[in-house]
């Protein structure tokens, strides 16, 4: 034995560690997304149902109704779509986001150590990410909505569901009724929602991380004295707040998008976004509009469960993302065997 490391044809730690370093953003995003998506999906399913129900209903009562009619799997209907696709979409999103930030840093664009520059770069990177990713995520989002709202869509058609169709059958039905373009029903609303929402999300997250001690190079320093919290929970706090506040701002747009897609999938007459928004707020009868406050309350139906979902998914996402990033950064570098 001469003390040198010998290569293993099956597993070479040096090559493996270098692979993780080269693909750090993708590895962090994928591993964090799987856990956070699974944890938050039941709340996302309840959110979609709350947005489309015509009569007010409490979250516990709706959850009990779903469990009674569909069982535990009703909360996870269509799960494999976001689990297998949104995770990869999120990995691509983080890659575009980090790539845009690296471009700005390399070319000295908005590169001052100020919250304004940090936030703007985060917002620009998020907008770039959201707009590009929306083209790939729109079909999966539509199929997810189709699966989550199977019972309400069937009720709109005057039909009853025996055994719910599988995800593949749902895709085939959309293709049969609308062709390939049917997978992009409501795409304009989806594009605007993803672009604006992702921009707001990363703008807020990067701005808050800067305020709480993260350097532009990425290292997390001590938190400021006015917020005495451990630096280890900073990613969870910033991710949760960014997720909740950005989602609250674009929530009406998401409600309109879901309603437009539901009507299209049910074969009902098309209504534009502004008409849909007006009818949601003021009611279906223009001669007898509902009180404005009641309409706004209806628009934000389900926001509470969405906020809880955002705290869960985005807090976990950034916590696991940072933990994985630190693990990769601390991987040992082996000396060359040459």
C-alpha atoms as a PDB file:
ATOM      1  CA  UNK A   1       0.000   0.000   0.000  1.00  0.00           C
ATOM      2  CA  UNK A   2       1.528   3.324  -1.056  1.00  0.00           C
ATOM      3  CA  UNK A   3      -1.206   5.520   0.464  1.00  0.00           C
ATOM      4  CA  UNK A   4      -2.619   6.529  -2.916  1.00  0.00           C
ATOM      5  CA  UNK A   5      -6.331   6.337  -3.645  1.00  0.00           C
ATOM      6  CA  UNK A   6      -7.154   3.648  -6.189  1.00  0.00           C
ATOM      7  CA  UNK A   7     -10.029   4.162  -8.633  1.00  0.00           C
ATOM      8  CA  UNK A   8     -13.130   2.027  -8.237  1.00  0.00           C
ATOM      9  CA  UNK A   9     -14.701   1.118 -11.600  1.00  0.00           C
ATOM     10  CA  UNK A  10     -18.180   1.196 -10.037  1.00  0.00           C
ATOM     11  CA  UNK A  11     -17.946   4.227  -7.757  1.00  0.00           C
ATOM     12  CA  UNK A  12     -15.330   6.975  -7.972  1.00  0.00           C
ATOM     13  CA  UNK A  13     -15.919   9.502  -5.142  1.00  0.00           C
ATOM     14  CA  UNK A  14     -13.894  12.188  -6.906  1.00  0.00           C
ATOM     15  CA  UNK A  15     -15.955  11.994 -10.101  1.00  0.00           C
ATOM     16  CA  UNK A  16     -19.160  11.760  -8.118  1.00  0.00           C
ATOM     17  CA  UNK A  17     -18.335  14.842  -6.029  1.00  0.00           C
ATOM     18  CA  UNK A  18     -17.324  16.804  -9.123  1.00  0.00           C
ATOM     19  CA  UNK A  19     -20.597  15.824 -10.783  1.00  0.00           C
ATOM     20  CA  UNK A  20     -22.543  17.150  -7.798  1.00  0.00           C
ATOM     21  CA  UNK A  21     -20.568  20.412  -7.831  1.00  0.00           C
ATOM     22  CA  UNK A  22     -21.120  20.942 -11.572  1.00  0.00           C
ATOM     23  CA  UNK A  23     -24.861  20.312 -11.255  1.00  0.00           C
ATOM     24  CA  UNK A  24     -25.361  21.864  -7.837  1.00  0.00           C
ATOM     25  CA  UNK A  25     -28.494  23.900  -8.676  1.00  0.00           C
ATOM     26  CA  UNK A  26     -30.231  20.942 -10.321  1.00  0.00           C
ATOM     27  CA  UNK A  27     -29.369  18.479  -7.552  1.00  0.00           C
ATOM     28  CA  UNK A  28     -30.492  20.883  -4.814  1.00  0.00           C
ATOM     29  CA  UNK A  29     -33.737  21.777  -6.592  1.00  0.00           C
ATOM     30  CA  UNK A  30     -34.681  18.177  -7.406  1.00  0.00           C
ATOM     31  CA  UNK A  31     -34.052  16.769  -3.941  1.00  0.00           C
ATOM     32  CA  UNK A  32     -35.841  19.660  -2.222  1.00  0.00           C
ATOM     33  CA  UNK A  33     -38.771  19.624  -4.659  1.00  0.00           C
ATOM     34  CA  UNK A  34     -39.660  15.970  -4.172  1.00  0.00           C
ATOM     35  CA  UNK A  35     -40.092  16.373  -0.431  1.00  0.00           C
ATOM     36  CA  UNK A  36     -41.815  19.768  -0.499  1.00  0.00           C
ATOM     37  CA  UNK A  37     -44.203  18.805  -3.336  1.00  0.00           C
ATOM     38  CA  UNK A  38     -45.338  15.648  -1.544  1.00  0.00           C
ATOM     39  CA  UNK A  39     -45.803  17.529   1.739  1.00  0.00           C
ATOM     40  CA  UNK A  40     -47.870  20.355   0.236  1.00  0.00           C
ATOM     41  CA  UNK A  41     -49.951  18.529  -2.378  1.00  0.00           C
ATOM     42  CA  UNK A  42     -53.042  17.743  -0.216  1.00  0.00           C
ATOM     43  CA  UNK A  43     -53.334  21.463   0.571  1.00  0.00           C
ATOM     44  CA  UNK A  44     -52.983  22.326  -3.118  1.00  0.00           C
ATOM     45  CA  UNK A  45     -55.780  19.881  -3.941  1.00  0.00           C
ATOM     46  CA  UNK A  46     -58.087  21.462  -1.356  1.00  0.00           C
ATOM     47  CA  UNK A  47     -57.159  24.922  -2.684  1.00  0.00           C
ATOM     48  CA  UNK A  48     -58.296  24.049  -6.218  1.00  0.00           C
ATOM     49  CA  UNK A  49     -61.614  22.703  -4.925  1.00  0.00           C
ATOM     50  CA  UNK A  50     -62.231  25.785  -2.778  1.00  0.00           C
ATOM     51  CA  UNK A  51     -61.599  28.062  -5.761  1.00  0.00           C
ATOM     52  CA  UNK A  52     -64.282  26.379  -7.882  1.00  0.00           C
ATOM     53  CA  UNK A  53     -67.028  25.542  -5.381  1.00  0.00           C
ATOM     54  CA  UNK A  54     -70.135  27.661  -5.857  1.00  0.00           C
ATOM     55  CA  UNK A  55     -71.198  27.611  -2.216  1.00  0.00           C
ATOM     56  CA  UNK A  56     -69.055  28.664   0.755  1.00  0.00           C
ATOM     57  CA  UNK A  57     -67.585  25.782   2.704  1.00  0.00           C
ATOM     58  CA  UNK A  58     -65.022  25.583   5.473  1.00  0.00           C
ATOM     59  CA  UNK A  59     -61.689  23.869   4.939  1.00  0.00           C
ATOM     60  CA  UNK A  60     -62.291  21.140   7.572  1.00  0.00           C
ATOM     61  CA  UNK A  61     -65.728  20.385   6.121  1.00  0.00           C
ATOM     62  CA  UNK A  62     -64.359  20.215   2.577  1.00  0.00           C
ATOM     63  CA  UNK A  63     -61.520  17.971   3.707  1.00  0.00           C
ATOM     64  CA  UNK A  64     -64.013  15.675   5.450  1.00  0.00           C
ATOM     65  CA  UNK A  65     -66.179  15.620   2.311  1.00  0.00           C
ATOM     66  CA  UNK A  66     -63.229  14.708   0.104  1.00  0.00           C
ATOM     67  CA  UNK A  67     -62.193  11.960   2.495  1.00  0.00           C
ATOM     68  CA  UNK A  68     -65.718  10.537   2.695  1.00  0.00           C
ATOM     69  CA  UNK A  69     -66.310  10.544  -1.078  1.00  0.00           C
ATOM     70  CA  UNK A  70     -62.831   9.806  -2.411  1.00  0.00           C
ATOM     71  CA  UNK A  71     -60.839   8.420   0.488  1.00  0.00           C
ATOM     72  CA  UNK A  72     -57.292   9.373   1.421  1.00  0.00           C
ATOM     73  CA  UNK A  73     -56.147   9.104  -2.197  1.00  0.00           C
ATOM     74  CA  UNK A  74     -58.550  11.916  -3.083  1.00  0.00           C
ATOM     75  CA  UNK A  75     -56.084  14.369  -1.554  1.00  0.00           C
ATOM     76  CA  UNK A  76     -53.299  12.984  -3.739  1.00  0.00           C
ATOM     77  CA  UNK A  77     -55.249  12.699  -6.989  1.00  0.00           C
ATOM     78  CA  UNK A  78     -52.849  13.553  -9.817  1.00  0.00           C
ATOM     79  CA  UNK A  79     -49.849  13.652  -7.468  1.00  0.00           C
ATOM     80  CA  UNK A  80     -47.455  11.841  -9.752  1.00  0.00           C
ATOM     81  CA  UNK A  81     -47.705  14.639 -12.335  1.00  0.00           C
ATOM     82  CA  UNK A  82     -46.197  17.373 -10.139  1.00  0.00           C
ATOM     83  CA  UNK A  83     -43.992  14.851  -8.335  1.00  0.00           C
ATOM     84  CA  UNK A  84     -42.392  13.669 -11.570  1.00  0.00           C
ATOM     85  CA  UNK A  85     -42.626  16.825 -13.669  1.00  0.00           C
ATOM     86  CA  UNK A  86     -42.856  19.947 -11.542  1.00  0.00           C
ATOM     87  CA  UNK A  87     -39.741  18.820  -9.709  1.00  0.00           C
ATOM     88  CA  UNK A  88     -37.860  18.788 -13.001  1.00  0.00           C
ATOM     89  CA  UNK A  89     -39.513  22.054 -14.019  1.00  0.00           C
ATOM     90  CA  UNK A  90     -38.401  23.551 -10.726  1.00  0.00           C
ATOM     91  CA  UNK A  91     -34.870  22.283 -11.335  1.00  0.00           C
ATOM     92  CA  UNK A  92     -34.887  24.031 -14.723  1.00  0.00           C
ATOM     93  CA  UNK A  93     -36.357  27.126 -13.061  1.00  0.00           C
ATOM     94  CA  UNK A  94     -33.575  27.281 -10.492  1.00  0.00           C
ATOM     95  CA  UNK A  95     -30.991  26.701 -13.217  1.00  0.00           C
ATOM     96  CA  UNK A  96     -32.311  29.678 -15.228  1.00  0.00           C
ATOM     97  CA  UNK A  97     -32.620  31.759 -12.066  1.00  0.00           C
ATOM     98  CA  UNK A  98     -29.057  31.070 -10.897  1.00  0.00           C
ATOM     99  CA  UNK A  99     -27.704  31.384 -14.452  1.00  0.00           C
ATOM    100  CA  UNK A 100     -29.279  34.828 -14.862  1.00  0.00           C
ATOM    101  CA  UNK A 101     -27.890  35.946 -11.502  1.00  0.00           C
ATOM    102  CA  UNK A 102     -24.429  34.685 -12.493  1.00  0.00           C
ATOM    103  CA  UNK A 103     -24.686  36.591 -15.790  1.00  0.00           C
ATOM    104  CA  UNK A 104     -25.544  39.819 -13.962  1.00  0.00           C
ATOM    105  CA  UNK A 105     -22.652  39.261 -11.560  1.00  0.00           C
ATOM    106  CA  UNK A 106     -20.147  38.471 -14.320  1.00  0.00           C
ATOM    107  CA  UNK A 107     -21.174  41.521 -16.366  1.00  0.00           C
ATOM    108  CA  UNK A 108     -21.384  43.834 -13.343  1.00  0.00           C
ATOM    109  CA  UNK A 109     -25.114  44.465 -13.817  1.00  0.00           C
ATOM    110  CA  UNK A 110     -26.906  45.632 -10.660  1.00  0.00           C
ATOM    111  CA  UNK A 111     -23.934  44.340  -8.717  1.00  0.00           C
ATOM    112  CA  UNK A 112     -23.844  46.762  -5.787  1.00  0.00           C
ATOM    113  CA  UNK A 113     -24.125  45.329  -2.287  1.00  0.00           C
ATOM    114  CA  UNK A 114     -27.543  46.913  -1.681  1.00  0.00           C
ATOM    115  CA  UNK A 115     -30.996  45.517  -1.113  1.00  0.00           C
ATOM    116  CA  UNK A 116     -32.250  47.328  -4.247  1.00  0.00           C
ATOM    117  CA  UNK A 117     -29.758  45.649  -6.562  1.00  0.00           C
ATOM    118  CA  UNK A 118     -30.084  42.277  -4.862  1.00  0.00           C
ATOM    119  CA  UNK A 119     -33.886  42.368  -5.081  1.00  0.00           C
ATOM    120  CA  UNK A 120     -33.964  43.607  -8.687  1.00  0.00           C
ATOM    121  CA  UNK A 121     -31.567  40.895  -9.850  1.00  0.00           C
ATOM    122  CA  UNK A 122     -33.700  38.317  -8.055  1.00  0.00           C
ATOM    123  CA  UNK A 123     -36.867  39.688  -9.662  1.00  0.00           C
ATOM    124  CA  UNK A 124     -35.376  39.810 -13.156  1.00  0.00           C
ATOM    125  CA  UNK A 125     -33.983  36.288 -12.780  1.00  0.00           C
ATOM    126  CA  UNK A 126     -37.332  35.067 -11.486  1.00  0.00           C
ATOM    127  CA  UNK A 127     -39.255  36.664 -14.357  1.00  0.00           C
ATOM    128  CA  UNK A 128     -36.892  35.097 -16.877  1.00  0.00           C
ATOM    129  CA  UNK A 129     -37.295  31.729 -15.193  1.00  0.00           C
ATOM    130  CA  UNK A 130     -41.087  31.889 -14.845  1.00  0.00           C
ATOM    131  CA  UNK A 131     -41.724  33.013 -18.413  1.00  0.00           C
ATOM    132  CA  UNK A 132     -39.550  30.313 -20.001  1.00  0.00           C
ATOM    133  CA  UNK A 133     -40.697  27.507 -17.726  1.00  0.00           C
ATOM    134  CA  UNK A 134     -44.392  28.298 -18.251  1.00  0.00           C
ATOM    135  CA  UNK A 135     -44.251  26.835 -21.759  1.00  0.00           C
ATOM    136  CA  UNK A 136     -43.293  23.462 -20.346  1.00  0.00           C
ATOM    137  CA  UNK A 137     -45.343  23.529 -17.154  1.00  0.00           C
ATOM    138  CA  UNK A 138     -48.698  24.648 -18.622  1.00  0.00           C
ATOM    139  CA  UNK A 139     -49.819  21.200 -19.904  1.00  0.00           C
ATOM    140  CA  UNK A 140     -48.934  19.531 -16.605  1.00  0.00           C
ATOM    141  CA  UNK A 141     -50.752  22.236 -14.642  1.00  0.00           C
ATOM    142  CA  UNK A 142     -53.860  21.784 -16.795  1.00  0.00           C
ATOM    143  CA  UNK A 143     -53.888  18.009 -16.346  1.00  0.00           C
ATOM    144  CA  UNK A 144     -53.385  18.464 -12.603  1.00  0.00           C
ATOM    145  CA  UNK A 145     -56.411  20.799 -12.460  1.00  0.00           C
ATOM    146  CA  UNK A 146     -58.374  18.290 -14.561  1.00  0.00           C
ATOM    147  CA  UNK A 147     -57.609  15.498 -12.108  1.00  0.00           C
ATOM    148  CA  UNK A 148     -58.278  17.589  -9.009  1.00  0.00           C
ATOM    149  CA  UNK A 149     -61.643  18.844 -10.305  1.00  0.00           C
ATOM    150  CA  UNK A 150     -62.933  15.643 -11.908  1.00  0.00           C
ATOM    151  CA  UNK A 151     -66.050  15.512  -9.761  1.00  0.00           C
ATOM    152  CA  UNK A 152     -67.020  19.176 -10.203  1.00  0.00           C
ATOM    153  CA  UNK A 153     -66.365  19.016 -13.971  1.00  0.00           C
ATOM    154  CA  UNK A 154     -68.556  15.918 -14.227  1.00  0.00           C
ATOM    155  CA  UNK A 155     -71.271  17.679 -12.218  1.00  0.00           C
ATOM    156  CA  UNK A 156     -71.148  20.632 -14.650  1.00  0.00           C
ATOM    157  CA  UNK A 157     -71.788  18.178 -17.490  1.00  0.00           C
ATOM    158  CA  UNK A 158     -74.621  16.487 -15.598  1.00  0.00           C
ATOM    159  CA  UNK A 159     -72.614  13.275 -15.351  1.00  0.00           C
ATOM    160  CA  UNK A 160     -71.672  10.999 -12.478  1.00  0.00           C
ATOM    161  CA  UNK A 161     -68.293   9.388 -11.955  1.00  0.00           C
ATOM    162  CA  UNK A 162     -67.992   5.745 -11.114  1.00  0.00           C
ATOM    163  CA  UNK A 163     -64.328   4.890 -11.198  1.00  0.00           C
ATOM    164  CA  UNK A 164     -62.338   8.109 -11.750  1.00  0.00           C
ATOM    165  CA  UNK A 165     -60.277   8.092 -14.956  1.00  0.00           C
ATOM    166  CA  UNK A 166     -56.536   7.741 -14.653  1.00  0.00           C
ATOM    167  CA  UNK A 167     -54.143  10.558 -15.458  1.00  0.00           C
ATOM    168  CA  UNK A 168     -53.374   8.977 -18.833  1.00  0.00           C
ATOM    169  CA  UNK A 169     -57.099   8.708 -19.604  1.00  0.00           C
ATOM    170  CA  UNK A 170     -57.556  12.360 -18.629  1.00  0.00           C
ATOM    171  CA  UNK A 171     -54.784  13.368 -21.052  1.00  0.00           C
ATOM    172  CA  UNK A 172     -56.367  11.267 -23.812  1.00  0.00           C
ATOM    173  CA  UNK A 173     -59.750  12.904 -23.205  1.00  0.00           C
ATOM    174  CA  UNK A 174     -58.247  16.386 -23.512  1.00  0.00           C
ATOM    175  CA  UNK A 175     -56.438  15.416 -26.718  1.00  0.00           C
ATOM    176  CA  UNK A 176     -59.564  13.795 -28.136  1.00  0.00           C
ATOM    177  CA  UNK A 177     -61.774  16.807 -27.418  1.00  0.00           C
ATOM    178  CA  UNK A 178     -59.365  19.662 -28.144  1.00  0.00           C
ATOM    179  CA  UNK A 179     -56.306  18.268 -29.889  1.00  0.00           C
ATOM    180  CA  UNK A 180     -52.744  19.058 -28.832  1.00  0.00           C
ATOM    181  CA  UNK A 181     -53.606  22.745 -28.389  1.00  0.00           C
ATOM    182  CA  UNK A 182     -56.056  21.683 -25.681  1.00  0.00           C
ATOM    183  CA  UNK A 183     -53.121  21.079 -23.360  1.00  0.00           C
ATOM    184  CA  UNK A 184     -52.609  24.856 -23.416  1.00  0.00           C
ATOM    185  CA  UNK A 185     -56.135  25.896 -22.423  1.00  0.00           C
ATOM    186  CA  UNK A 186     -55.778  29.081 -20.384  1.00  0.00           C
ATOM    187  CA  UNK A 187     -52.105  29.424 -21.313  1.00  0.00           C
ATOM    188  CA  UNK A 188     -52.053  33.242 -21.441  1.00  0.00           C
ATOM    189  CA  UNK A 189     -53.259  33.429 -17.859  1.00  0.00           C
ATOM    190  CA  UNK A 190     -50.806  30.712 -16.872  1.00  0.00           C
ATOM    191  CA  UNK A 191     -47.941  32.643 -18.522  1.00  0.00           C
ATOM    192  CA  UNK A 192     -48.796  35.921 -16.795  1.00  0.00           C
ATOM    193  CA  UNK A 193     -49.282  34.183 -13.455  1.00  0.00           C
ATOM    194  CA  UNK A 194     -45.976  32.309 -13.608  1.00  0.00           C
ATOM    195  CA  UNK A 195     -43.933  35.249 -14.898  1.00  0.00           C
ATOM    196  CA  UNK A 196     -45.236  37.786 -12.388  1.00  0.00           C
ATOM    197  CA  UNK A 197     -45.482  35.331  -9.512  1.00  0.00           C
ATOM    198  CA  UNK A 198     -41.958  33.949  -9.926  1.00  0.00           C
ATOM    199  CA  UNK A 199     -40.533  37.456 -10.302  1.00  0.00           C
ATOM    200  CA  UNK A 200     -42.200  38.597  -7.078  1.00  0.00           C
ATOM    201  CA  UNK A 201     -41.181  35.418  -5.289  1.00  0.00           C
ATOM    202  CA  UNK A 202     -37.468  35.609  -6.024  1.00  0.00           C
ATOM    203  CA  UNK A 203     -37.402  39.398  -5.599  1.00  0.00           C
ATOM    204  CA  UNK A 204     -38.808  39.046  -2.103  1.00  0.00           C
ATOM    205  CA  UNK A 205     -36.718  36.013  -1.182  1.00  0.00           C
ATOM    206  CA  UNK A 206     -33.382  37.508  -2.252  1.00  0.00           C
ATOM    207  CA  UNK A 207     -34.249  40.851  -0.643  1.00  0.00           C
ATOM    208  CA  UNK A 208     -35.121  39.211   2.677  1.00  0.00           C
ATOM    209  CA  UNK A 209     -32.027  36.983   2.629  1.00  0.00           C
ATOM    210  CA  UNK A 210     -29.899  40.100   2.073  1.00  0.00           C
ATOM    211  CA  UNK A 211     -31.544  41.848   5.023  1.00  0.00           C
ATOM    212  CA  UNK A 212     -30.954  38.781   7.189  1.00  0.00           C
ATOM    213  CA  UNK A 213     -27.235  38.608   6.565  1.00  0.00           C
ATOM    214  CA  UNK A 214     -26.581  36.668   3.375  1.00  0.00           C
ATOM    215  CA  UNK A 215     -23.671  38.005   1.328  1.00  0.00           C
ATOM    216  CA  UNK A 216     -23.949  38.363  -2.444  1.00  0.00           C
ATOM    217  CA  UNK A 217     -21.484  35.509  -2.791  1.00  0.00           C
ATOM    218  CA  UNK A 218     -24.011  33.252  -1.069  1.00  0.00           C
ATOM    219  CA  UNK A 219     -22.593  32.782   2.426  1.00  0.00           C
ATOM    220  CA  UNK A 220     -25.056  33.217   5.281  1.00  0.00           C
ATOM    221  CA  UNK A 221     -23.650  35.478   7.963  1.00  0.00           C
ATOM    222  CA  UNK A 222     -25.083  36.135  11.421  1.00  0.00           C
ATOM    223  CA  UNK A 223     -28.612  37.473  11.516  1.00  0.00           C
ATOM    224  CA  UNK A 224     -29.039  41.151  12.507  1.00  0.00           C
ATOM    225  CA  UNK A 225     -29.542  42.009  16.163  1.00  0.00           C
ATOM    226  CA  UNK A 226     -33.098  43.239  15.540  1.00  0.00           C
ATOM    227  CA  UNK A 227     -34.147  39.687  14.583  1.00  0.00           C
ATOM    228  CA  UNK A 228     -32.535  37.248  17.015  1.00  0.00           C
ATOM    229  CA  UNK A 229     -33.203  33.948  15.226  1.00  0.00           C
ATOM    230  CA  UNK A 230     -30.732  31.159  14.422  1.00  0.00           C
ATOM    231  CA  UNK A 231     -29.204  31.481  10.975  1.00  0.00           C
ATOM    232  CA  UNK A 232     -30.195  27.856  10.300  1.00  0.00           C
ATOM    233  CA  UNK A 233     -33.898  28.746  10.053  1.00  0.00           C
ATOM    234  CA  UNK A 234     -33.395  31.841   7.869  1.00  0.00           C
ATOM    235  CA  UNK A 235     -34.095  29.884   4.632  1.00  0.00           C
ATOM    236  CA  UNK A 236     -37.372  28.556   6.078  1.00  0.00           C
ATOM    237  CA  UNK A 237     -38.494  32.002   7.277  1.00  0.00           C
ATOM    238  CA  UNK A 238     -37.603  33.775   4.019  1.00  0.00           C
ATOM    239  CA  UNK A 239     -39.008  31.013   1.824  1.00  0.00           C
ATOM    240  CA  UNK A 240     -42.281  30.914   3.749  1.00  0.00           C
ATOM    241  CA  UNK A 241     -42.762  34.701   3.746  1.00  0.00           C
ATOM    242  CA  UNK A 242     -41.846  35.044   0.068  1.00  0.00           C
ATOM    243  CA  UNK A 243     -44.176  32.195  -0.852  1.00  0.00           C
ATOM    244  CA  UNK A 244     -47.126  33.530   1.148  1.00  0.00           C
ATOM    245  CA  UNK A 245     -46.877  37.197   0.138  1.00  0.00           C
ATOM    246  CA  UNK A 246     -46.141  36.660  -3.561  1.00  0.00           C
ATOM    247  CA  UNK A 247     -48.937  34.106  -3.795  1.00  0.00           C
ATOM    248  CA  UNK A 248     -51.398  36.449  -2.073  1.00  0.00           C
ATOM    249  CA  UNK A 249     -50.660  39.147  -4.675  1.00  0.00           C
ATOM    250  CA  UNK A 250     -51.304  36.882  -7.674  1.00  0.00           C
ATOM    251  CA  UNK A 251     -54.044  34.782  -6.053  1.00  0.00           C
ATOM    252  CA  UNK A 252     -56.971  36.439  -7.905  1.00  0.00           C
ATOM    253  CA  UNK A 253     -55.222  35.686 -11.200  1.00  0.00           C
ATOM    254  CA  UNK A 254     -54.846  32.035 -10.200  1.00  0.00           C
ATOM    255  CA  UNK A 255     -58.552  31.840  -9.288  1.00  0.00           C
ATOM    256  CA  UNK A 256     -59.536  33.247 -12.685  1.00  0.00           C
ATOM    257  CA  UNK A 257     -57.146  30.862 -14.464  1.00  0.00           C
ATOM    258  CA  UNK A 258     -58.558  27.830 -12.652  1.00  0.00           C
ATOM    259  CA  UNK A 259     -62.149  28.910 -13.347  1.00  0.00           C
ATOM    260  CA  UNK A 260     -61.459  29.525 -17.054  1.00  0.00           C
ATOM    261  CA  UNK A 261     -59.802  26.120 -17.346  1.00  0.00           C
ATOM    262  CA  UNK A 262     -62.631  24.400 -15.476  1.00  0.00           C
ATOM    263  CA  UNK A 263     -65.258  25.860 -17.827  1.00  0.00           C
ATOM    264  CA  UNK A 264     -63.214  24.923 -20.883  1.00  0.00           C
ATOM    265  CA  UNK A 265     -62.720  21.346 -19.678  1.00  0.00           C
ATOM    266  CA  UNK A 266     -66.447  21.054 -18.911  1.00  0.00           C
ATOM    267  CA  UNK A 267     -67.314  22.218 -22.439  1.00  0.00           C
ATOM    268  CA  UNK A 268     -69.088  25.356 -21.224  1.00  0.00           C
ATOM    269  CA  UNK A 269     -69.218  28.637 -23.142  1.00  0.00           C
ATOM    270  CA  UNK A 270     -65.942  30.574 -23.040  1.00  0.00           C
ATOM    271  CA  UNK A 271     -65.695  33.621 -20.820  1.00  0.00           C
ATOM    272  CA  UNK A 272     -62.749  35.979 -20.961  1.00  0.00           C
ATOM    273  CA  UNK A 273     -60.596  36.740 -17.920  1.00  0.00           C
ATOM    274  CA  UNK A 274     -62.191  40.120 -17.168  1.00  0.00           C
ATOM    275  CA  UNK A 275     -65.725  38.763 -17.479  1.00  0.00           C
ATOM    276  CA  UNK A 276     -64.792  35.812 -15.290  1.00  0.00           C
ATOM    277  CA  UNK A 277     -63.286  38.133 -12.681  1.00  0.00           C
ATOM    278  CA  UNK A 278     -66.325  40.414 -12.741  1.00  0.00           C
ATOM    279  CA  UNK A 279     -68.764  37.520 -12.344  1.00  0.00           C
ATOM    280  CA  UNK A 280     -66.724  36.057  -9.515  1.00  0.00           C
ATOM    281  CA  UNK A 281     -66.780  39.381  -7.660  1.00  0.00           C
ATOM    282  CA  UNK A 282     -70.216  40.812  -8.501  1.00  0.00           C
ATOM    283  CA  UNK A 283     -72.175  37.634  -9.275  1.00  0.00           C
ATOM    284  CA  UNK A 284     -73.791  36.281 -12.479  1.00  0.00           C
ATOM    285  CA  UNK A 285     -76.641  38.830 -12.584  1.00  0.00           C
ATOM    286  CA  UNK A 286     -75.459  42.317 -13.692  1.00  0.00           C
ATOM    287  CA  UNK A 287     -78.799  43.813 -12.659  1.00  0.00           C
ATOM    288  CA  UNK A 288     -78.394  42.559  -9.108  1.00  0.00           C
ATOM    289  CA  UNK A 289     -74.676  42.654  -8.258  1.00  0.00           C
ATOM    290  CA  UNK A 290     -73.404  41.254  -4.995  1.00  0.00           C
ATOM    291  CA  UNK A 291     -71.731  43.535  -2.450  1.00  0.00           C
ATOM    292  CA  UNK A 292     -68.148  44.263  -3.468  1.00  0.00           C
ATOM    293  CA  UNK A 293     -66.683  43.046  -0.175  1.00  0.00           C
ATOM    294  CA  UNK A 294     -68.467  39.707  -0.471  1.00  0.00           C
ATOM    295  CA  UNK A 295     -67.153  39.320  -4.002  1.00  0.00           C
ATOM    296  CA  UNK A 296     -63.579  40.080  -3.011  1.00  0.00           C
ATOM    297  CA  UNK A 297     -63.932  37.573  -0.181  1.00  0.00           C
ATOM    298  CA  UNK A 298     -65.016  34.954  -2.711  1.00  0.00           C
ATOM    299  CA  UNK A 299     -61.994  35.719  -4.906  1.00  0.00           C
ATOM    300  CA  UNK A 300     -59.727  35.004  -1.971  1.00  0.00           C
ATOM    301  CA  UNK A 301     -61.539  31.825  -0.976  1.00  0.00           C
ATOM    302  CA  UNK A 302     -58.928  29.214  -0.237  1.00  0.00           C
ATOM    303  CA  UNK A 303     -56.156  31.744   0.439  1.00  0.00           C
ATOM    304  CA  UNK A 304     -55.772  30.455   3.986  1.00  0.00           C
ATOM    305  CA  UNK A 305     -55.040  26.917   2.859  1.00  0.00           C
ATOM    306  CA  UNK A 306     -52.796  28.305   0.115  1.00  0.00           C
ATOM    307  CA  UNK A 307     -50.857  30.284   2.703  1.00  0.00           C
ATOM    308  CA  UNK A 308     -50.441  27.153   4.795  1.00  0.00           C
ATOM    309  CA  UNK A 309     -49.318  25.246   1.708  1.00  0.00           C
ATOM    310  CA  UNK A 310     -46.813  27.993   0.836  1.00  0.00           C
ATOM    311  CA  UNK A 311     -45.365  27.966   4.346  1.00  0.00           C
ATOM    312  CA  UNK A 312     -44.988  24.206   4.144  1.00  0.00           C
ATOM    313  CA  UNK A 313     -43.678  23.811   0.616  1.00  0.00           C
ATOM    314  CA  UNK A 314     -41.506  26.915   0.236  1.00  0.00           C
ATOM    315  CA  UNK A 315     -40.128  26.772   3.758  1.00  0.00           C
ATOM    316  CA  UNK A 316     -39.150  23.133   3.270  1.00  0.00           C
ATOM    317  CA  UNK A 317     -37.926  23.810  -0.264  1.00  0.00           C
ATOM    318  CA  UNK A 318     -35.382  26.454   0.717  1.00  0.00           C
ATOM    319  CA  UNK A 319     -34.357  24.683   3.915  1.00  0.00           C
ATOM    320  CA  UNK A 320     -33.593  21.476   2.028  1.00  0.00           C
ATOM    321  CA  UNK A 321     -32.077  23.444  -0.865  1.00  0.00           C
ATOM    322  CA  UNK A 322     -29.615  25.174   1.462  1.00  0.00           C
ATOM    323  CA  UNK A 323     -28.856  21.958   3.366  1.00  0.00           C
ATOM    324  CA  UNK A 324     -28.076  20.129   0.135  1.00  0.00           C
ATOM    325  CA  UNK A 325     -25.995  23.055  -1.142  1.00  0.00           C
ATOM    326  CA  UNK A 326     -23.958  23.103   2.082  1.00  0.00           C
ATOM    327  CA  UNK A 327     -23.467  19.346   1.847  1.00  0.00           C
ATOM    328  CA  UNK A 328     -22.125  19.668  -1.713  1.00  0.00           C
ATOM    329  CA  UNK A 329     -19.916  22.639  -0.799  1.00  0.00           C
ATOM    330  CA  UNK A 330     -18.358  20.634   2.042  1.00  0.00           C
ATOM    331  CA  UNK A 331     -17.612  17.516   0.005  1.00  0.00           C
ATOM    332  CA  UNK A 332     -13.923  16.591   0.220  1.00  0.00           C
ATOM    333  CA  UNK A 333     -11.612  17.073  -2.726  1.00  0.00           C
ATOM    334  CA  UNK A 334      -9.364  14.108  -3.234  1.00  0.00           C
ATOM    335  CA  UNK A 335      -5.739  14.568  -4.236  1.00  0.00           C
ATOM    336  CA  UNK A 336      -4.818  13.567  -7.739  1.00  0.00           C
ATOM    337  CA  UNK A 337      -3.590   9.992  -8.083  1.00  0.00           C
ATOM    338  CA  UNK A 338      -1.172  10.981 -10.890  1.00  0.00           C
END
